[in-house]
Amino acid sequence: GGQRQAVAVARAPVFGRDIVIMDEPTAALGVRETAAVMDVIRRINERG
């Protein structure tokens, strides 16, 4: 589940040039999977 959501989150900066809207991106995930997806969100944010 965490890997699938990470893929969904990763798709956003491929095409979202300016703004990414994330609706409860970790709602269905466990603790470890949530932490992994949060790291992906941080790395996307670091791209500006």
All heavy atoms as atom14 arrays in JSON, in Angstrom:
{
  "sequence": "GGQRQAVAVARAPVFGRDIVIMDEPTAALGVRETAAVMDVIRRINERG",
  "atom14_mask": [
    [1, 1, 1, 1, 0, 0, 0, 0, 0, 0, 0, 0, 0, 0],
    [1, 1, 1, 1, 0, 0, 0, 0, 0, 0, 0, 0, 0, 0],
    [1, 1, 1, 1, 1, 1, 1, 1, 1, 0, 0, 0, 0, 0],
    [1, 1, 1, 1, 1, 1, 1, 1, 1, 1, 1, 0, 0, 0],
    [1, 1, 1, 1, 1, 1, 1, 1, 1, 0, 0, 0, 0, 0],
    [1, 1, 1, 1, 1, 0, 0, 0, 0, 0, 0, 0, 0, 0],
    [1, 1, 1, 1, 1, 1, 1, 0, 0, 0, 0, 0, 0, 0],
    [1, 1, 1, 1, 1, 0, 0, 0, 0, 0, 0, 0, 0, 0],
    [1, 1, 1, 1, 1, 1, 1, 0, 0, 0, 0, 0, 0, 0],
    [1, 1, 1, 1, 1, 0, 0, 0, 0, 0, 0, 0, 0, 0],
    [1, 1, 1, 1, 1, 1, 1, 1, 1, 1, 1, 0, 0, 0],
    [1, 1, 1, 1, 1, 0, 0, 0, 0, 0, 0, 0, 0, 0],
    [1, 1, 1, 1, 1, 1, 1, 0, 0, 0, 0, 0, 0, 0],
    [1, 1, 1, 1, 1, 1, 1, 0, 0, 0, 0, 0, 0, 0],
    [1, 1, 1, 1, 1, 1, 1, 1, 1, 1, 1, 0, 0, 0],
    [1, 1, 1, 1, 0, 0, 0, 0, 0, 0, 0, 0, 0, 0],
    [1, 1, 1, 1, 1, 1, 1, 1, 1, 1, 1, 0, 0, 0],
    [1, 1, 1, 1, 1, 1, 1, 1, 0, 0, 0, 0, 0, 0],
    [1, 1, 1, 1, 1, 1, 1, 1, 0, 0, 0, 0, 0, 0],
    [1, 1, 1, 1, 1, 1, 1, 0, 0, 0, 0, 0, 0, 0],
    [1, 1, 1, 1, 1, 1, 1, 1, 0, 0, 0, 0, 0, 0],
    [1, 1, 1, 1, 1, 1, 1, 1, 0, 0, 0, 0, 0, 0],
    [1, 1, 1, 1, 1, 1, 1, 1, 0, 0, 0, 0, 0, 0],
    [1, 1, 1, 1, 1, 1, 1, 1, 1, 0, 0, 0, 0, 0],
    [1, 1, 1, 1, 1, 1, 1, 0, 0, 0, 0, 0, 0, 0],
    [1, 1, 1, 1, 1, 1, 1, 0, 0, 0, 0, 0, 0, 0],
    [1, 1, 1, 1, 1, 0, 0, 0, 0, 0, 0, 0, 0, 0],
    [1, 1, 1, 1, 1, 0, 0, 0, 0, 0, 0, 0, 0, 0],
    [1, 1, 1, 1, 1, 1, 1, 1, 0, 0, 0, 0, 0, 0],
    [1, 1, 1, 1, 0, 0, 0, 0, 0, 0, 0, 0, 0, 0],
    [1, 1, 1, 1, 1, 1, 1, 0, 0, 0, 0, 0, 0, 0],
    [1, 1, 1, 1, 1, 1, 1, 1, 1, 1, 1, 0, 0, 0],
    [1, 1, 1, 1, 1, 1, 1, 1, 1, 0, 0, 0, 0, 0],
    [1, 1, 1, 1, 1, 1, 1, 0, 0, 0, 0, 0, 0, 0],
    [1, 1, 1, 1, 1, 0, 0, 0, 0, 0, 0, 0, 0, 0],
    [1, 1, 1, 1, 1, 0, 0, 0, 0, 0, 0, 0, 0, 0],
    [1, 1, 1, 1, 1, 1, 1, 0, 0, 0, 0, 0, 0, 0],
    [1, 1, 1, 1, 1, 1, 1, 1, 0, 0, 0, 0, 0, 0],
    [1, 1, 1, 1, 1, 1, 1, 1, 0, 0, 0, 0, 0, 0],
    [1, 1, 1, 1, 1, 1, 1, 0, 0, 0, 0, 0, 0, 0],
    [1, 1, 1, 1, 1, 1, 1, 1, 0, 0, 0, 0, 0, 0],
    [1, 1, 1, 1, 1, 1, 1, 1, 1, 1, 1, 0, 0, 0],
    [1, 1, 1, 1, 1, 1, 1, 1, 1, 1, 1, 0, 0, 0],
    [1, 1, 1, 1, 1, 1, 1, 1, 0, 0, 0, 0, 0, 0],
    [1, 1, 1, 1, 1, 1, 1, 1, 0, 0, 0, 0, 0, 0],
    [1, 1, 1, 1, 1, 1, 1, 1, 1, 0, 0, 0, 0, 0],
    [1, 1, 1, 1, 1, 1, 1, 1, 1, 1, 1, 0, 0, 0],
    [1, 1, 1, 1, 0, 0, 0, 0, 0, 0, 0, 0, 0, 0]
  ],
  "atom14_positions": [
    [[0.82, -1.21, 0.0], [0.0, 0.0, 0.0], [0.85, 1.25, 0.0], [0.54, 2.23, -0.7], [0.0, 0.0, 0.0], [0.0, 0.0, 0.0], [0.0, 0.0, 0.0], [0.0, 0.0, 0.0], [0.0, 0.0, 0.0], [0.0, 0.0, 0.0], [0.0, 0.0, 0.0], [0.0, 0.0, 0.0], [0.0, 0.0, 0.0], [0.0, 0.0, 0.0]],
    [[1.93, 1.25, 0.78], [2.81, 2.42, 0.82], [3.52, 2.66, -0.49], [3.67, 3.81, -0.92], [0.0, 0.0, 0.0], [0.0, 0.0, 0.0], [0.0, 0.0, 0.0], [0.0, 0.0, 0.0], [0.0, 0.0, 0.0], [0.0, 0.0, 0.0], [0.0, 0.0, 0.0], [0.0, 0.0, 0.0], [0.0, 0.0, 0.0], [0.0, 0.0, 0.0]],
    [[3.95, 1.58, -1.15], [4.61, 1.73, -2.44], [3.65, 2.26, -3.49], [4.0, 3.11, -4.3], [5.2, 0.39, -2.89], [6.42, -0.05, -2.1], [6.87, -1.46, -2.47], [6.04, -2.34, -2.71], [8.17, -1.67, -2.51], [0.0, 0.0, 0.0], [0.0, 0.0, 0.0], [0.0, 0.0, 0.0], [0.0, 0.0, 0.0], [0.0, 0.0, 0.0]],
    [[2.4, 1.77, -3.47], [1.41, 2.25, -4.44], [1.14, 3.74, -4.24], [1.07, 4.51, -5.19], [0.11, 1.45, -4.33], [0.23, 0.02, -4.81], [-1.14, -0.62, -5.04], [-1.93, -0.71, -3.83], [-1.9, -1.73, -2.98], [-1.09, -2.76, -3.21], [-2.66, -1.74, -1.91], [0.0, 0.0, 0.0], [0.0, 0.0, 0.0], [0.0, 0.0, 0.0]],
    [[1.0, 4.14, -2.98], [0.73, 5.55, -2.72], [1.95, 6.4, -3.05], [1.81, 7.54, -3.52], [0.29, 5.76, -1.27], [-0.25, 7.15, -0.98], [-1.57, 7.43, -1.68], [-1.88, 6.87, -2.72], [-2.35, 8.34, -1.11], [0.0, 0.0, 0.0], [0.0, 0.0, 0.0], [0.0, 0.0, 0.0], [0.0, 0.0, 0.0], [0.0, 0.0, 0.0]],
    [[3.15, 5.87, -2.82], [4.37, 6.6, -3.19], [4.42, 6.83, -4.7], [4.83, 7.91, -5.16], [5.6, 5.83, -2.73], [0.0, 0.0, 0.0], [0.0, 0.0, 0.0], [0.0, 0.0, 0.0], [0.0, 0.0, 0.0], [0.0, 0.0, 0.0], [0.0, 0.0, 0.0], [0.0, 0.0, 0.0], [0.0, 0.0, 0.0], [0.0, 0.0, 0.0]],
    [[3.99, 5.83, -5.48], [3.94, 6.0, -6.94], [2.93, 7.08, -7.31], [3.19, 7.94, -8.16], [3.59, 4.66, -7.63], [3.28, 4.89, -9.11], [4.73, 3.67, -7.48], [0.0, 0.0, 0.0], [0.0, 0.0, 0.0], [0.0, 0.0, 0.0], [0.0, 0.0, 0.0], [0.0, 0.0, 0.0], [0.0, 0.0, 0.0], [0.0, 0.0, 0.0]],
    [[1.76, 7.07, -6.65], [0.74, 8.09, -6.93], [1.25, 9.48, -6.58], [1.03, 10.44, -7.33], [-0.53, 7.77, -6.16], [0.0, 0.0, 0.0], [0.0, 0.0, 0.0], [0.0, 0.0, 0.0], [0.0, 0.0, 0.0], [0.0, 0.0, 0.0], [0.0, 0.0, 0.0], [0.0, 0.0, 0.0], [0.0, 0.0, 0.0], [0.0, 0.0, 0.0]],
    [[1.93, 9.61, -5.44], [2.48, 10.9, -5.03], [3.61, 11.32, -5.98], [3.72, 12.49, -6.35], [2.98, 10.84, -3.57], [3.76, 12.09, -3.21], [1.81, 10.65, -2.61], [0.0, 0.0, 0.0], [0.0, 0.0, 0.0], [0.0, 0.0, 0.0], [0.0, 0.0, 0.0], [0.0, 0.0, 0.0], [0.0, 0.0, 0.0], [0.0, 0.0, 0.0]],
    [[4.43, 10.36, -6.39], [5.56, 10.66, -7.27], [5.09, 11.15, -8.64], [5.82, 11.88, -9.32], [6.44, 9.43, -7.44], [0.0, 0.0, 0.0], [0.0, 0.0, 0.0], [0.0, 0.0, 0.0], [0.0, 0.0, 0.0], [0.0, 0.0, 0.0], [0.0, 0.0, 0.0], [0.0, 0.0, 0.0], [0.0, 0.0, 0.0], [0.0, 0.0, 0.0]],
    [[3.9, 10.73, -9.06], [3.39, 11.16, -10.36], [3.14, 12.66, -10.39], [3.23, 13.3, -11.44], [2.09, 10.41, -10.66], [1.55, 10.63, -12.06], [0.46, 9.63, -12.38], [-0.6, 9.67, -11.39], [-1.35, 8.61, -11.07], [-1.14, 7.44, -11.65], [-2.3, 8.72, -10.17], [0.0, 0.0, 0.0], [0.0, 0.0, 0.0], [0.0, 0.0, 0.0]],
    [[2.83, 13.25, -9.24], [2.47, 14.66, -9.19], [3.57, 15.58, -9.73], [3.29, 16.43, -10.58], [2.07, 15.06, -7.78], [0.0, 0.0, 0.0], [0.0, 0.0, 0.0], [0.0, 0.0, 0.0], [0.0, 0.0, 0.0], [0.0, 0.0, 0.0], [0.0, 0.0, 0.0], [0.0, 0.0, 0.0], [0.0, 0.0, 0.0], [0.0, 0.0, 0.0]],
    [[4.83, 15.48, -9.27], [5.84, 16.42, -9.78], [6.27, 16.14, -11.22], [6.95, 16.97, -11.82], [7.02, 16.24, -8.82], [6.87, 14.87, -8.3], [5.38, 14.64, -8.2], [0.0, 0.0, 0.0], [0.0, 0.0, 0.0], [0.0, 0.0, 0.0], [0.0, 0.0, 0.0], [0.0, 0.0, 0.0], [0.0, 0.0, 0.0], [0.0, 0.0, 0.0]],
    [[5.89, 14.98, -11.78], [6.2, 14.72, -13.18], [5.44, 15.71, -14.06], [5.95, 16.23, -15.05], [5.84, 13.27, -13.58], [6.08, 13.06, -15.08], [6.69, 12.28, -12.79], [0.0, 0.0, 0.0], [0.0, 0.0, 0.0], [0.0, 0.0, 0.0], [0.0, 0.0, 0.0], [0.0, 0.0, 0.0], [0.0, 0.0, 0.0], [0.0, 0.0, 0.0]],
    [[4.17, 15.99, -13.68], [3.33, 16.83, -14.5], [2.88, 18.1, -13.8], [2.46, 19.05, -14.46], [2.09, 16.04, -14.95], [2.43, 14.79, -15.72], [2.36, 13.55, -15.11], [2.85, 14.88, -17.02], [2.69, 12.4, -15.81], [3.18, 13.73, -17.73], [3.1, 12.5, -17.13], [0.0, 0.0, 0.0], [0.0, 0.0, 0.0], [0.0, 0.0, 0.0]],
    [[2.93, 18.13, -12.47], [2.53, 19.34, -11.76], [3.69, 20.32, -11.71], [4.56, 20.22, -10.85], [0.0, 0.0, 0.0], [0.0, 0.0, 0.0], [0.0, 0.0, 0.0], [0.0, 0.0, 0.0], [0.0, 0.0, 0.0], [0.0, 0.0, 0.0], [0.0, 0.0, 0.0], [0.0, 0.0, 0.0], [0.0, 0.0, 0.0], [0.0, 0.0, 0.0]],
    [[3.71, 21.27, -12.61], [4.84, 22.19, -12.73], [4.91, 23.16, -11.57], [5.99, 23.62, -11.22], [4.75, 22.98, -14.04], [4.73, 22.13, -15.29], [4.79, 23.02, -16.53], [3.78, 24.07, -16.52], [2.53, 23.89, -16.96], [2.16, 22.72, -17.43], [1.66, 24.89, -16.94], [0.0, 0.0, 0.0], [0.0, 0.0, 0.0], [0.0, 0.0, 0.0]],
    [[3.76, 23.5, -11.0], [3.72, 24.59, -10.03], [3.1, 24.2, -8.69], [3.64, 24.52, -7.65], [2.92, 25.76, -10.62], [3.51, 26.27, -11.91], [4.72, 26.54, -11.93], [2.77, 26.38, -12.9], [0.0, 0.0, 0.0], [0.0, 0.0, 0.0], [0.0, 0.0, 0.0], [0.0, 0.0, 0.0], [0.0, 0.0, 0.0], [0.0, 0.0, 0.0]],
    [[1.95, 23.54, -8.75], [1.16, 23.29, -7.53], [0.75, 21.83, -7.48], [0.3, 21.26, -8.48], [-0.1, 24.18, -7.5], [0.27, 25.66, -7.59], [-0.92, 23.91, -6.24], [-0.2, 26.32, -8.85], [0.0, 0.0, 0.0], [0.0, 0.0, 0.0], [0.0, 0.0, 0.0], [0.0, 0.0, 0.0], [0.0, 0.0, 0.0], [0.0, 0.0, 0.0]],
    [[0.9, 21.22, -6.3], [0.44, 19.86, -6.07], [-0.55, 19.88, -4.91], [-0.26, 20.42, -3.84], [1.6, 18.9, -5.74], [1.07, 17.5, -5.45], [2.61, 18.85, -6.89], [0.0, 0.0, 0.0], [0.0, 0.0, 0.0], [0.0, 0.0, 0.0], [0.0, 0.0, 0.0], [0.0, 0.0, 0.0], [0.0, 0.0, 0.0], [0.0, 0.0, 0.0]],
    [[-1.74, 19.32, -5.14], [-2.76, 19.19, -4.1], [-2.79, 17.74, -3.65], [-2.93, 16.84, -4.49], [-4.15, 19.62, -4.62], [-4.11, 21.08, -5.09], [-5.21, 19.43, -3.54], [-5.37, 21.52, -5.8], [0.0, 0.0, 0.0], [0.0, 0.0, 0.0], [0.0, 0.0, 0.0], [0.0, 0.0, 0.0], [0.0, 0.0, 0.0], [0.0, 0.0, 0.0]],
    [[-2.65, 17.49, -2.37], [-2.64, 16.13, -1.83], [-3.76, 15.96, -0.83], [-3.79, 16.61, 0.2], [-1.29, 15.82, -1.18], [-0.12, 15.89, -2.14], [1.41, 15.31, -1.39], [2.56, 15.55, -2.76], [0.0, 0.0, 0.0], [0.0, 0.0, 0.0], [0.0, 0.0, 0.0], [0.0, 0.0, 0.0], [0.0, 0.0, 0.0], [0.0, 0.0, 0.0]],
    [[-4.7, 15.07, -1.15], [-5.88, 14.84, -0.31], [-5.67, 13.57, 0.51], [-5.78, 12.47, 0.0], [-7.12, 14.71, -1.2], [-8.39, 14.53, -0.39], [-8.35, 14.73, 0.84], [-9.42, 14.16, -0.97], [0.0, 0.0, 0.0], [0.0, 0.0, 0.0], [0.0, 0.0, 0.0], [0.0, 0.0, 0.0], [0.0, 0.0, 0.0], [0.0, 0.0, 0.0]],
    [[-5.36, 13.74, 1.81], [-5.15, 12.61, 2.72], [-4.22, 11.55, 2.1], [-4.6, 10.38, 1.98], [-6.49, 11.98, 3.09], [-7.46, 12.91, 3.79], [-7.14, 13.1, 5.26], [-6.15, 12.52, 5.75], [-7.89, 13.84, 5.93], [0.0, 0.0, 0.0], [0.0, 0.0, 0.0], [0.0, 0.0, 0.0], [0.0, 0.0, 0.0], [0.0, 0.0, 0.0]],
    [[-3.0, 11.91, 1.73], [-2.14, 10.97, 1.0], [-1.67, 9.77, 1.81], [-1.19, 8.79, 1.24], [-0.94, 11.84, 0.59], [-0.91, 12.93, 1.6], [-2.34, 13.22, 1.93], [0.0, 0.0, 0.0], [0.0, 0.0, 0.0], [0.0, 0.0, 0.0], [0.0, 0.0, 0.0], [0.0, 0.0, 0.0], [0.0, 0.0, 0.0], [0.0, 0.0, 0.0]],
    [[-1.81, 9.81, 3.14], [-1.35, 8.69, 3.97], [-2.49, 8.06, 4.77], [-2.24, 7.28, 5.69], [-0.24, 9.14, 4.94], [-0.78, 10.11, 5.85], [0.94, 9.75, 4.19], [0.0, 0.0, 0.0], [0.0, 0.0, 0.0], [0.0, 0.0, 0.0], [0.0, 0.0, 0.0], [0.0, 0.0, 0.0], [0.0, 0.0, 0.0], [0.0, 0.0, 0.0]],
    [[-3.73, 8.36, 4.41], [-4.87, 7.94, 5.24], [-4.98, 6.44, 5.41], [-5.39, 5.95, 6.46], [-6.16, 8.5, 4.66], [0.0, 0.0, 0.0], [0.0, 0.0, 0.0], [0.0, 0.0, 0.0], [0.0, 0.0, 0.0], [0.0, 0.0, 0.0], [0.0, 0.0, 0.0], [0.0, 0.0, 0.0], [0.0, 0.0, 0.0], [0.0, 0.0, 0.0]],
    [[-4.64, 5.67, 4.38], [-4.85, 4.21, 4.42], [-3.58, 3.44, 4.75], [-3.53, 2.23, 4.58], [-5.41, 3.74, 3.08], [0.0, 0.0, 0.0], [0.0, 0.0, 0.0], [0.0, 0.0, 0.0], [0.0, 0.0, 0.0], [0.0, 0.0, 0.0], [0.0, 0.0, 0.0], [0.0, 0.0, 0.0], [0.0, 0.0, 0.0], [0.0, 0.0, 0.0]],
    [[-2.55, 4.12, 5.27], [-1.24, 3.49, 5.42], [-0.88, 3.25, 6.88], [-1.38, 3.91, 7.79], [-0.17, 4.37, 4.77], [-0.39, 4.75, 3.3], [0.76, 5.6, 2.82], [-0.56, 3.51, 2.45], [0.0, 0.0, 0.0], [0.0, 0.0, 0.0], [0.0, 0.0, 0.0], [0.0, 0.0, 0.0], [0.0, 0.0, 0.0], [0.0, 0.0, 0.0]],
    [[0.02, 2.27, 7.09], [0.56, 2.01, 8.42], [1.65, 3.02, 8.76], [1.97, 3.91, 7.98], [0.0, 0.0, 0.0], [0.0, 0.0, 0.0], [0.0, 0.0, 0.0], [0.0, 0.0, 0.0], [0.0, 0.0, 0.0], [0.0, 0.0, 0.0], [0.0, 0.0, 0.0], [0.0, 0.0, 0.0], [0.0, 0.0, 0.0], [0.0, 0.0, 0.0]],
    [[2.24, 2.84, 9.94], [3.21, 3.81, 10.44], [4.44, 3.9, 9.55], [4.87, 4.99, 9.15], [3.62, 3.44, 11.88], [4.73, 4.37, 12.37], [2.42, 3.52, 12.82], [0.0, 0.0, 0.0], [0.0, 0.0, 0.0], [0.0, 0.0, 0.0], [0.0, 0.0, 0.0], [0.0, 0.0, 0.0], [0.0, 0.0, 0.0], [0.0, 0.0, 0.0]],
    [[5.05, 2.76, 9.21], [6.25, 2.79, 8.38], [5.96, 3.31, 6.98], [6.74, 4.08, 6.42], [6.86, 1.39, 8.3], [7.48, 0.9, 9.61], [8.11, -0.46, 9.45], [9.18, -0.43, 8.45], [9.85, -1.51, 8.05], [9.54, -2.7, 8.55], [10.81, -1.4, 7.16], [0.0, 0.0, 0.0], [0.0, 0.0, 0.0], [0.0, 0.0, 0.0]],
    [[4.82, 2.89, 6.4], [4.48, 3.34, 5.06], [4.18, 4.84, 5.06], [4.53, 5.55, 4.12], [3.3, 2.54, 4.53], [3.62, 1.07, 4.28], [2.42, 0.29, 3.81], [1.29, 0.62, 4.25], [2.59, -0.64, 3.03], [0.0, 0.0, 0.0], [0.0, 0.0, 0.0], [0.0, 0.0, 0.0], [0.0, 0.0, 0.0], [0.0, 0.0, 0.0]],
    [[3.54, 5.32, 6.12], [3.25, 6.75, 6.24], [4.55, 7.55, 6.27], [4.67, 8.57, 5.59], [2.43, 7.03, 7.51], [1.13, 6.45, 7.36], [2.29, 8.53, 7.75], [0.0, 0.0, 0.0], [0.0, 0.0, 0.0], [0.0, 0.0, 0.0], [0.0, 0.0, 0.0], [0.0, 0.0, 0.0], [0.0, 0.0, 0.0], [0.0, 0.0, 0.0]],
    [[5.52, 7.08, 7.05], [6.8, 7.78, 7.14], [7.49, 7.84, 5.79], [8.08, 8.87, 5.42], [7.7, 7.09, 8.17], [0.0, 0.0, 0.0], [0.0, 0.0, 0.0], [0.0, 0.0, 0.0], [0.0, 0.0, 0.0], [0.0, 0.0, 0.0], [0.0, 0.0, 0.0], [0.0, 0.0, 0.0], [0.0, 0.0, 0.0], [0.0, 0.0, 0.0]],
    [[7.41, 6.76, 5.02], [8.05, 6.72, 3.7], [7.39, 7.72, 2.75], [8.08, 8.44, 2.01], [7.99, 5.31, 3.12], [0.0, 0.0, 0.0], [0.0, 0.0, 0.0], [0.0, 0.0, 0.0], [0.0, 0.0, 0.0], [0.0, 0.0, 0.0], [0.0, 0.0, 0.0], [0.0, 0.0, 0.0], [0.0, 0.0, 0.0], [0.0, 0.0, 0.0]],
    [[6.06, 7.78, 2.75], [5.36, 8.71, 1.87], [5.61, 10.15, 2.31], [5.77, 11.05, 1.47], [3.85, 8.4, 1.83], [3.08, 9.48, 1.07], [3.6, 7.03, 1.2], [0.0, 0.0, 0.0], [0.0, 0.0, 0.0], [0.0, 0.0, 0.0], [0.0, 0.0, 0.0], [0.0, 0.0, 0.0], [0.0, 0.0, 0.0], [0.0, 0.0, 0.0]],
    [[5.69, 10.4, 3.6], [6.01, 11.74, 4.08], [7.39, 12.18, 3.6], [7.59, 13.35, 3.24], [5.94, 11.79, 5.61], [4.52, 11.75, 6.15], [4.44, 11.6, 7.96], [5.19, 13.14, 8.48], [0.0, 0.0, 0.0], [0.0, 0.0, 0.0], [0.0, 0.0, 0.0], [0.0, 0.0, 0.0], [0.0, 0.0, 0.0], [0.0, 0.0, 0.0]],
    [[8.34, 11.26, 3.55], [9.67, 11.59, 3.02], [9.59, 11.98, 1.55], [10.28, 12.9, 1.1], [10.62, 10.4, 3.2], [11.08, 10.23, 4.64], [10.97, 11.21, 5.41], [11.54, 9.13, 4.99], [0.0, 0.0, 0.0], [0.0, 0.0, 0.0], [0.0, 0.0, 0.0], [0.0, 0.0, 0.0], [0.0, 0.0, 0.0], [0.0, 0.0, 0.0]],
    [[8.74, 11.27, 0.8], [8.57, 11.61, -0.62], [7.98, 13.01, -0.76], [8.42, 13.81, -1.59], [7.68, 10.58, -1.32], [7.39, 11.0, -2.76], [8.33, 9.2, -1.32], [0.0, 0.0, 0.0], [0.0, 0.0, 0.0], [0.0, 0.0, 0.0], [0.0, 0.0, 0.0], [0.0, 0.0, 0.0], [0.0, 0.0, 0.0], [0.0, 0.0, 0.0]],
    [[7.01, 13.33, 0.08], [6.4, 14.67, 0.03], [7.44, 15.74, 0.32], [7.48, 16.79, -0.34], [5.22, 14.76, 1.04], [4.1, 13.82, 0.6], [4.72, 16.19, 1.15], [2.98, 13.68, 1.62], [0.0, 0.0, 0.0], [0.0, 0.0, 0.0], [0.0, 0.0, 0.0], [0.0, 0.0, 0.0], [0.0, 0.0, 0.0], [0.0, 0.0, 0.0]],
    [[8.3, 15.51, 1.29], [9.37, 16.47, 1.6], [10.29, 16.67, 0.4], [10.69, 17.8, 0.08], [10.18, 16.01, 2.81], [9.43, 16.05, 4.13], [10.38, 15.76, 5.27], [9.69, 15.64, 6.53], [9.29, 14.47, 7.06], [9.54, 13.33, 6.41], [8.66, 14.43, 8.21], [0.0, 0.0, 0.0], [0.0, 0.0, 0.0], [0.0, 0.0, 0.0]],
    [[10.67, 15.57, -0.25], [11.58, 15.69, -1.39], [10.92, 16.43, -2.56], [11.58, 17.17, -3.28], [12.07, 14.31, -1.81], [13.11, 13.73, -0.84], [13.74, 12.47, -1.38], [12.86, 11.32, -1.29], [12.75, 10.54, -0.21], [13.47, 10.8, 0.87], [11.95, 9.49, -0.2], [0.0, 0.0, 0.0], [0.0, 0.0, 0.0], [0.0, 0.0, 0.0]],
    [[9.62, 16.23, -2.74], [8.9, 16.97, -3.77], [8.9, 18.46, -3.42], [9.12, 19.32, -4.27], [7.46, 16.44, -3.91], [7.47, 15.03, -4.52], [6.61, 17.38, -4.76], [6.12, 14.36, -4.52], [0.0, 0.0, 0.0], [0.0, 0.0, 0.0], [0.0, 0.0, 0.0], [0.0, 0.0, 0.0], [0.0, 0.0, 0.0], [0.0, 0.0, 0.0]],
    [[8.65, 18.77, -2.16], [8.63, 20.16, -1.72], [9.99, 20.83, -1.91], [10.07, 22.01, -2.24], [8.2, 20.21, -0.25], [8.22, 21.61, 0.32], [8.94, 21.88, 1.27], [7.44, 22.51, -0.24], [0.0, 0.0, 0.0], [0.0, 0.0, 0.0], [0.0, 0.0, 0.0], [0.0, 0.0, 0.0], [0.0, 0.0, 0.0], [0.0, 0.0, 0.0]],
    [[11.06, 20.07, -1.73], [12.41, 20.62, -1.89], [12.68, 21.07, -3.32], [13.6, 21.85, -3.58], [13.45, 19.59, -1.46], [13.5, 19.37, 0.05], [14.35, 18.17, 0.44], [14.88, 17.49, -0.48], [14.48, 17.91, 1.65], [0.0, 0.0, 0.0], [0.0, 0.0, 0.0], [0.0, 0.0, 0.0], [0.0, 0.0, 0.0], [0.0, 0.0, 0.0]],
    [[11.87, 20.6, -4.26], [12.01, 21.02, -5.66], [11.36, 22.37, -5.91], [11.4, 22.88, -7.03], [11.39, 19.97, -6.58], [12.09, 18.62, -6.5], [11.55, 17.64, -7.51], [12.31, 16.41, -7.5], [12.21, 15.47, -8.44], [11.39, 15.63, -9.45], [12.94, 14.37, -8.36], [0.0, 0.0, 0.0], [0.0, 0.0, 0.0], [0.0, 0.0, 0.0]],
    [[10.75, 22.95, -4.9], [10.2, 24.28, -5.04], [8.73, 24.34, -5.39], [8.19, 25.43, -5.62], [0.0, 0.0, 0.0], [0.0, 0.0, 0.0], [0.0, 0.0, 0.0], [0.0, 0.0, 0.0], [0.0, 0.0, 0.0], [0.0, 0.0, 0.0], [0.0, 0.0, 0.0], [0.0, 0.0, 0.0], [0.0, 0.0, 0.0], [0.0, 0.0, 0.0]]
  ]
}
